[in-house]
Amino acid sequence: MGTVINNKLEKIGAIIQDGLDTEGVLRILRLLDVSAYTKELIEDMTLYSEFLPLAREMPFTSEQRYLHFLWDALDKLPICLNANFSILFRRLIAGRLFKRCGAGFTAEENFRFNFGQNLEIGDFVFFNRGVFIDT
């Protein structure tokens, strides 16, 4: 894997590991070369899943909201096409967001879910493009 990609992933992993907040999301977006978001937009956003009935019973923590946002945002960016980056980026998020994420987890672009915190994924699970899991 290239040094540039590896450096980005290490920095993103450290931000996520420290506990994701608004400033952390903005730092990650800058690492991904996204400048369209401000602190106010990040704090004011509503995710699709938050419109679902289960969201009232099981509201997202701020960190869960930010992780979901970053997961979905990745698929809208050109860097998503770089498998060396995107697969490992998703593993970073899944390891923090999912209830359980096994070793060797791979998700291609447009793998979607409502509530990642309900997902339990075993070892070496692979999700192809366009998969939606209603959690």
N, C-alpha and C. Protein backbone atom coordinates (compact mmCIF):
# COMPACT_ATOMS: atom_id res chain seq x y z
N MET A 1 0.85 -1.17 0.00
CA MET A 1 0.00 0.00 0.00
C MET A 1 0.89 1.23 0.00
N GLY A 2 0.45 2.28 -0.71
CA GLY A 2 1.23 3.49 -0.82
C GLY A 2 1.33 4.26 0.49
N THR A 3 2.39 5.01 0.59
CA THR A 3 2.66 5.79 1.80
C THR A 3 1.58 6.84 2.05
N VAL A 4 1.13 7.51 0.99
CA VAL A 4 0.11 8.56 1.14
C VAL A 4 -1.17 7.97 1.71
N ILE A 5 -1.64 6.87 1.14
CA ILE A 5 -2.86 6.21 1.61
C ILE A 5 -2.68 5.73 3.04
N ASN A 6 -1.57 5.10 3.32
CA ASN A 6 -1.29 4.59 4.65
C ASN A 6 -1.29 5.72 5.68
N ASN A 7 -0.68 6.84 5.34
CA ASN A 7 -0.65 8.00 6.26
C ASN A 7 -2.04 8.53 6.53
N LYS A 8 -2.86 8.64 5.48
CA LYS A 8 -4.23 9.11 5.65
C LYS A 8 -5.00 8.17 6.59
N LEU A 9 -4.88 6.86 6.33
CA LEU A 9 -5.60 5.89 7.16
C LEU A 9 -5.13 5.92 8.61
N GLU A 10 -3.85 6.07 8.83
CA GLU A 10 -3.33 6.15 10.20
C GLU A 10 -3.88 7.38 10.92
N LYS A 11 -3.90 8.51 10.24
CA LYS A 11 -4.44 9.74 10.85
C LYS A 11 -5.93 9.61 11.13
N ILE A 12 -6.66 9.07 10.18
CA ILE A 12 -8.11 8.87 10.36
C ILE A 12 -8.36 7.89 11.50
N GLY A 13 -7.62 6.79 11.54
CA GLY A 13 -7.76 5.82 12.62
C GLY A 13 -7.53 6.44 13.98
N ALA A 14 -6.53 7.29 14.10
CA ALA A 14 -6.24 7.96 15.37
C ALA A 14 -7.37 8.89 15.77
N ILE A 15 -7.94 9.61 14.82
CA ILE A 15 -9.06 10.50 15.12
C ILE A 15 -10.26 9.70 15.61
N ILE A 16 -10.56 8.61 14.92
CA ILE A 16 -11.69 7.77 15.31
C ILE A 16 -11.44 7.14 16.67
N GLN A 17 -10.24 6.66 16.90
CA GLN A 17 -9.90 6.01 18.16
C GLN A 17 -10.04 6.96 19.35
N ASP A 18 -9.75 8.24 19.13
CA ASP A 18 -9.86 9.23 20.20
C ASP A 18 -11.29 9.54 20.58
N GLY A 19 -12.25 9.06 19.81
CA GLY A 19 -13.66 9.37 20.05
C GLY A 19 -14.08 10.50 19.14
N LEU A 20 -14.96 10.20 18.23
CA LEU A 20 -15.30 11.13 17.17
C LEU A 20 -16.24 12.22 17.65
N ASP A 21 -15.87 13.46 17.39
CA ASP A 21 -16.72 14.62 17.64
C ASP A 21 -16.76 15.46 16.37
N THR A 22 -17.43 16.60 16.42
CA THR A 22 -17.58 17.45 15.24
C THR A 22 -16.23 17.83 14.66
N GLU A 23 -15.32 18.25 15.50
CA GLU A 23 -13.99 18.66 15.03
C GLU A 23 -13.26 17.48 14.38
N GLY A 24 -13.42 16.29 14.93
CA GLY A 24 -12.80 15.10 14.35
C GLY A 24 -13.36 14.80 12.97
N VAL A 25 -14.68 14.95 12.81
CA VAL A 25 -15.30 14.74 11.50
C VAL A 25 -14.73 15.73 10.49
N LEU A 26 -14.62 16.99 10.89
CA LEU A 26 -14.07 18.01 9.99
C LEU A 26 -12.62 17.70 9.62
N ARG A 27 -11.84 17.22 10.57
CA ARG A 27 -10.45 16.85 10.28
C ARG A 27 -10.40 15.69 9.28
N ILE A 28 -11.27 14.70 9.47
CA ILE A 28 -11.31 13.57 8.53
C ILE A 28 -11.74 14.05 7.15
N LEU A 29 -12.75 14.90 7.09
CA LEU A 29 -13.19 15.41 5.79
C LEU A 29 -12.08 16.17 5.08
N ARG A 30 -11.29 16.93 5.83
CA ARG A 30 -10.15 17.63 5.22
C ARG A 30 -9.13 16.63 4.68
N LEU A 31 -8.90 15.54 5.42
CA LEU A 31 -7.99 14.50 4.93
C LEU A 31 -8.51 13.84 3.65
N LEU A 32 -9.82 13.84 3.49
CA LEU A 32 -10.45 13.28 2.30
C LEU A 32 -10.64 14.33 1.21
N ASP A 33 -10.11 15.52 1.43
CA ASP A 33 -10.20 16.64 0.47
C ASP A 33 -11.64 17.11 0.26
N VAL A 34 -12.44 17.09 1.32
CA VAL A 34 -13.81 17.59 1.28
C VAL A 34 -13.84 18.89 2.09
N SER A 35 -14.26 19.96 1.45
CA SER A 35 -14.27 21.25 2.14
C SER A 35 -15.66 21.87 2.23
N ALA A 36 -16.69 21.19 1.74
CA ALA A 36 -18.03 21.76 1.66
C ALA A 36 -18.74 21.84 3.01
N TYR A 37 -18.25 21.16 4.01
CA TYR A 37 -18.94 21.10 5.30
C TYR A 37 -18.33 22.05 6.31
N THR A 38 -19.21 22.64 7.10
CA THR A 38 -18.80 23.49 8.22
C THR A 38 -19.22 22.80 9.51
N LYS A 39 -18.75 23.32 10.60
CA LYS A 39 -19.14 22.79 11.92
C LYS A 39 -20.66 22.84 12.07
N GLU A 40 -21.25 23.95 11.64
CA GLU A 40 -22.70 24.11 11.77
C GLU A 40 -23.46 23.07 10.94
N LEU A 41 -23.00 22.81 9.72
CA LEU A 41 -23.67 21.81 8.88
C LEU A 41 -23.55 20.41 9.47
N ILE A 42 -22.40 20.09 10.00
CA ILE A 42 -22.19 18.78 10.61
C ILE A 42 -23.11 18.60 11.82
N GLU A 43 -23.18 19.63 12.66
CA GLU A 43 -23.99 19.53 13.88
C GLU A 43 -25.48 19.55 13.58
N ASP A 44 -25.87 20.15 12.44
CA ASP A 44 -27.29 20.30 12.11
C ASP A 44 -27.82 19.18 11.21
N MET A 45 -26.97 18.30 10.73
CA MET A 45 -27.41 17.28 9.77
C MET A 45 -28.34 16.26 10.43
N THR A 46 -29.21 15.70 9.61
CA THR A 46 -30.07 14.60 10.00
C THR A 46 -29.82 13.47 9.03
N LEU A 47 -29.56 12.30 9.54
CA LEU A 47 -29.33 11.13 8.70
C LEU A 47 -30.66 10.47 8.34
N TYR A 48 -30.68 9.78 7.23
CA TYR A 48 -31.88 9.06 6.80
C TYR A 48 -32.42 8.17 7.92
N SER A 49 -31.55 7.42 8.55
CA SER A 49 -31.98 6.48 9.60
C SER A 49 -32.67 7.18 10.76
N GLU A 50 -32.35 8.44 10.97
CA GLU A 50 -32.98 9.18 12.08
C GLU A 50 -34.44 9.50 11.81
N PHE A 51 -34.91 9.33 10.58
CA PHE A 51 -36.32 9.51 10.25
C PHE A 51 -37.13 8.24 10.49
N LEU A 52 -36.46 7.13 10.72
CA LEU A 52 -37.13 5.85 10.89
C LEU A 52 -37.68 5.70 12.31
N PRO A 53 -38.78 4.94 12.49
CA PRO A 53 -39.37 4.79 13.83
C PRO A 53 -38.40 4.26 14.89
N LEU A 54 -37.51 3.35 14.51
CA LEU A 54 -36.57 2.79 15.47
C LEU A 54 -35.64 3.85 16.07
N ALA A 55 -35.44 4.93 15.35
CA ALA A 55 -34.55 5.99 15.84
C ALA A 55 -35.07 6.63 17.12
N ARG A 56 -36.38 6.63 17.30
CA ARG A 56 -36.94 7.16 18.55
C ARG A 56 -36.67 6.22 19.72
N GLU A 57 -36.72 4.92 19.44
CA GLU A 57 -36.47 3.92 20.47
C GLU A 57 -34.99 3.76 20.76
N MET A 58 -34.17 3.97 19.74
CA MET A 58 -32.75 3.71 19.84
C MET A 58 -31.98 4.87 19.17
N PRO A 59 -32.00 6.04 19.81
CA PRO A 59 -31.34 7.20 19.17
C PRO A 59 -29.83 7.00 19.07
N PHE A 60 -29.26 7.60 18.04
CA PHE A 60 -27.82 7.55 17.85
C PHE A 60 -27.10 8.41 18.88
N THR A 61 -25.96 7.96 19.30
CA THR A 61 -25.06 8.85 20.02
C THR A 61 -24.44 9.78 18.97
N SER A 62 -23.83 10.84 19.40
CA SER A 62 -23.16 11.74 18.45
C SER A 62 -22.11 10.98 17.65
N GLU A 63 -21.33 10.15 18.33
CA GLU A 63 -20.30 9.41 17.63
C GLU A 63 -20.88 8.47 16.58
N GLN A 64 -21.97 7.78 16.91
CA GLN A 64 -22.60 6.87 15.96
C GLN A 64 -23.10 7.65 14.73
N ARG A 65 -23.69 8.81 14.96
CA ARG A 65 -24.15 9.65 13.84
C ARG A 65 -22.99 10.02 12.94
N TYR A 66 -21.88 10.43 13.53
CA TYR A 66 -20.72 10.85 12.74
C TYR A 66 -20.12 9.67 11.97
N LEU A 67 -20.07 8.51 12.59
CA LEU A 67 -19.54 7.33 11.91
C LEU A 67 -20.43 6.93 10.73
N HIS A 68 -21.75 6.96 10.94
CA HIS A 68 -22.68 6.67 9.84
C HIS A 68 -22.48 7.68 8.71
N PHE A 69 -22.38 8.93 9.06
CA PHE A 69 -22.19 9.98 8.06
C PHE A 69 -20.93 9.74 7.24
N LEU A 70 -19.82 9.46 7.92
CA LEU A 70 -18.56 9.24 7.21
C LEU A 70 -18.64 8.01 6.32
N TRP A 71 -19.31 6.96 6.80
CA TRP A 71 -19.48 5.75 5.98
C TRP A 71 -20.19 6.10 4.68
N ASP A 72 -21.32 6.80 4.79
CA ASP A 72 -22.09 7.15 3.60
C ASP A 72 -21.37 8.17 2.73
N ALA A 73 -20.68 9.12 3.34
CA ALA A 73 -19.98 10.17 2.60
C ALA A 73 -18.88 9.58 1.72
N LEU A 74 -18.20 8.55 2.20
CA LEU A 74 -17.10 7.96 1.45
C LEU A 74 -17.54 7.56 0.04
N ASP A 75 -18.72 6.98 -0.08
CA ASP A 75 -19.18 6.49 -1.38
C ASP A 75 -19.48 7.61 -2.37
N LYS A 76 -19.50 8.83 -1.92
CA LYS A 76 -19.75 9.97 -2.81
C LYS A 76 -18.44 10.62 -3.27
N LEU A 77 -17.33 10.11 -2.80
CA LEU A 77 -16.03 10.73 -3.07
C LEU A 77 -15.21 9.91 -4.06
N PRO A 78 -14.39 10.57 -4.86
CA PRO A 78 -13.53 9.83 -5.80
C PRO A 78 -12.60 8.81 -5.12
N ILE A 79 -12.15 9.10 -3.90
CA ILE A 79 -11.23 8.17 -3.23
C ILE A 79 -11.88 6.83 -2.94
N CYS A 80 -13.20 6.78 -3.00
CA CYS A 80 -13.94 5.52 -2.81
C CYS A 80 -13.51 4.47 -3.83
N LEU A 81 -13.07 4.92 -5.00
CA LEU A 81 -12.68 4.00 -6.06
C LEU A 81 -11.34 3.33 -5.80
N ASN A 82 -10.60 3.83 -4.83
CA ASN A 82 -9.31 3.25 -4.47
C ASN A 82 -9.55 2.20 -3.38
N ALA A 83 -9.56 0.94 -3.79
CA ALA A 83 -9.85 -0.15 -2.84
C ALA A 83 -8.85 -0.20 -1.70
N ASN A 84 -7.59 0.15 -1.95
CA ASN A 84 -6.59 0.16 -0.87
C ASN A 84 -7.00 1.10 0.26
N PHE A 85 -7.71 2.15 -0.09
CA PHE A 85 -8.17 3.09 0.92
C PHE A 85 -9.56 2.72 1.44
N SER A 86 -10.52 2.57 0.52
CA SER A 86 -11.92 2.48 0.93
C SER A 86 -12.25 1.24 1.77
N ILE A 87 -11.68 0.11 1.44
CA ILE A 87 -11.96 -1.10 2.23
C ILE A 87 -11.42 -0.94 3.66
N LEU A 88 -10.22 -0.41 3.77
CA LEU A 88 -9.65 -0.22 5.11
C LEU A 88 -10.33 0.91 5.88
N PHE A 89 -10.78 1.95 5.19
CA PHE A 89 -11.54 3.03 5.82
C PHE A 89 -12.83 2.47 6.42
N ARG A 90 -13.53 1.64 5.64
CA ARG A 90 -14.77 1.04 6.15
C ARG A 90 -14.49 0.12 7.35
N ARG A 91 -13.37 -0.60 7.32
CA ARG A 91 -13.02 -1.45 8.47
C ARG A 91 -12.81 -0.60 9.73
N LEU A 92 -12.16 0.55 9.57
CA LEU A 92 -11.95 1.44 10.72
C LEU A 92 -13.28 1.85 11.33
N ILE A 93 -14.20 2.26 10.48
CA ILE A 93 -15.51 2.70 10.97
C ILE A 93 -16.28 1.52 11.55
N ALA A 94 -16.31 0.40 10.83
CA ALA A 94 -17.06 -0.77 11.29
C ALA A 94 -16.56 -1.25 12.65
N GLY A 95 -15.27 -1.21 12.85
CA GLY A 95 -14.71 -1.66 14.13
C GLY A 95 -15.17 -0.82 15.30
N ARG A 96 -15.52 0.41 15.04
CA ARG A 96 -15.98 1.32 16.10
C ARG A 96 -17.50 1.39 16.18
N LEU A 97 -18.17 1.23 15.03
CA LEU A 97 -19.62 1.43 14.97
C LEU A 97 -20.41 0.14 15.19
N PHE A 98 -20.01 -0.93 14.54
CA PHE A 98 -20.79 -2.16 14.61
C PHE A 98 -20.72 -2.78 16.00
N LYS A 99 -21.77 -3.51 16.33
CA LYS A 99 -21.79 -4.25 17.60
C LYS A 99 -20.62 -5.22 17.66
N ARG A 100 -20.34 -5.85 16.50
CA ARG A 100 -19.17 -6.72 16.37
C ARG A 100 -18.74 -6.71 14.91
N CYS A 101 -17.46 -6.62 14.69
CA CYS A 101 -16.91 -6.67 13.34
C CYS A 101 -15.71 -7.60 13.35
N GLY A 102 -15.85 -8.72 12.65
CA GLY A 102 -14.80 -9.73 12.63
C GLY A 102 -13.61 -9.35 11.77
N ALA A 103 -12.57 -10.13 11.89
CA ALA A 103 -11.33 -9.93 11.13
C ALA A 103 -11.62 -10.13 9.64
N GLY A 104 -10.92 -9.39 8.82
CA GLY A 104 -11.02 -9.56 7.38
C GLY A 104 -12.32 -9.08 6.77
N PHE A 105 -13.08 -8.27 7.49
CA PHE A 105 -14.34 -7.72 6.97
C PHE A 105 -14.07 -6.88 5.72
N THR A 106 -14.88 -7.10 4.68
CA THR A 106 -14.76 -6.32 3.46
C THR A 106 -16.15 -5.89 3.01
N ALA A 107 -16.29 -4.60 2.76
CA ALA A 107 -17.53 -4.05 2.20
C ALA A 107 -17.17 -3.18 1.02
N GLU A 108 -17.77 -3.48 -0.12
CA GLU A 108 -17.57 -2.65 -1.30
C GLU A 108 -18.49 -1.45 -1.23
N GLU A 109 -18.39 -0.59 -2.24
CA GLU A 109 -19.17 0.65 -2.23
C GLU A 109 -20.66 0.38 -2.19
N ASN A 110 -21.37 1.31 -1.64
CA ASN A 110 -22.83 1.27 -1.53
C ASN A 110 -23.35 0.11 -0.69
N PHE A 111 -22.57 -0.34 0.28
CA PHE A 111 -23.10 -1.25 1.30
C PHE A 111 -23.74 -0.36 2.35
N ARG A 112 -25.03 -0.52 2.56
CA ARG A 112 -25.79 0.35 3.45
C ARG A 112 -26.45 -0.44 4.58
N PHE A 113 -26.75 0.29 5.63
CA PHE A 113 -27.44 -0.27 6.80
C PHE A 113 -28.10 0.89 7.53
N ASN A 114 -29.11 0.59 8.33
CA ASN A 114 -29.83 1.63 9.08
C ASN A 114 -29.11 1.96 10.38
N PHE A 115 -28.85 0.94 11.16
CA PHE A 115 -28.32 1.12 12.50
C PHE A 115 -27.12 0.18 12.67
N GLY A 116 -25.96 0.69 12.35
CA GLY A 116 -24.74 -0.11 12.40
C GLY A 116 -24.46 -0.69 13.77
N GLN A 117 -24.90 0.00 14.80
CA GLN A 117 -24.66 -0.47 16.15
C GLN A 117 -25.40 -1.78 16.46
N ASN A 118 -26.30 -2.20 15.57
CA ASN A 118 -27.00 -3.49 15.73
C ASN A 118 -26.35 -4.62 14.94
N LEU A 119 -25.38 -4.29 14.09
CA LEU A 119 -24.77 -5.30 13.22
C LEU A 119 -23.71 -6.11 13.94
N GLU A 120 -23.79 -7.42 13.78
CA GLU A 120 -22.75 -8.33 14.26
C GLU A 120 -22.24 -9.08 13.04
N ILE A 121 -20.99 -8.79 12.68
CA ILE A 121 -20.38 -9.35 11.48
C ILE A 121 -19.28 -10.31 11.89
N GLY A 122 -19.28 -11.51 11.31
CA GLY A 122 -18.26 -12.52 11.62
C GLY A 122 -16.96 -12.27 10.86
N ASP A 123 -16.03 -13.20 11.01
CA ASP A 123 -14.73 -13.10 10.35
C ASP A 123 -14.86 -13.35 8.86
N PHE A 124 -14.11 -12.58 8.09
CA PHE A 124 -13.97 -12.72 6.64
C PHE A 124 -15.30 -12.65 5.89
N VAL A 125 -16.19 -11.79 6.38
CA VAL A 125 -17.46 -11.55 5.70
C VAL A 125 -17.21 -10.52 4.60
N PHE A 126 -17.81 -10.77 3.45
CA PHE A 126 -17.68 -9.89 2.28
C PHE A 126 -19.06 -9.45 1.83
N PHE A 127 -19.24 -8.12 1.68
CA PHE A 127 -20.47 -7.58 1.13
C PHE A 127 -20.16 -6.92 -0.20
N ASN A 128 -20.87 -7.34 -1.23
CA ASN A 128 -20.67 -6.80 -2.56
C ASN A 128 -21.36 -5.45 -2.68
N ARG A 129 -21.18 -4.80 -3.81
CA ARG A 129 -21.81 -3.50 -4.07
C ARG A 129 -23.31 -3.58 -3.99
N GLY A 130 -23.89 -2.50 -3.48
CA GLY A 130 -25.34 -2.36 -3.52
C GLY A 130 -26.11 -3.18 -2.51
N VAL A 131 -25.49 -3.68 -1.48
CA VAL A 131 -26.18 -4.47 -0.46
C VAL A 131 -26.79 -3.52 0.57
N PHE A 132 -28.03 -3.79 0.95
CA PHE A 132 -28.68 -3.03 2.03
C PHE A 132 -29.14 -4.02 3.09
N ILE A 133 -28.73 -3.76 4.33
CA ILE A 133 -29.18 -4.59 5.44
C ILE A 133 -30.06 -3.72 6.33
N ASP A 134 -31.30 -4.15 6.50
CA ASP A 134 -32.24 -3.43 7.36
C ASP A 134 -32.04 -3.93 8.78
N THR A 135 -31.37 -3.16 9.57
CA THR A 135 -31.06 -3.58 10.94
C THR A 135 -32.11 -3.10 11.90
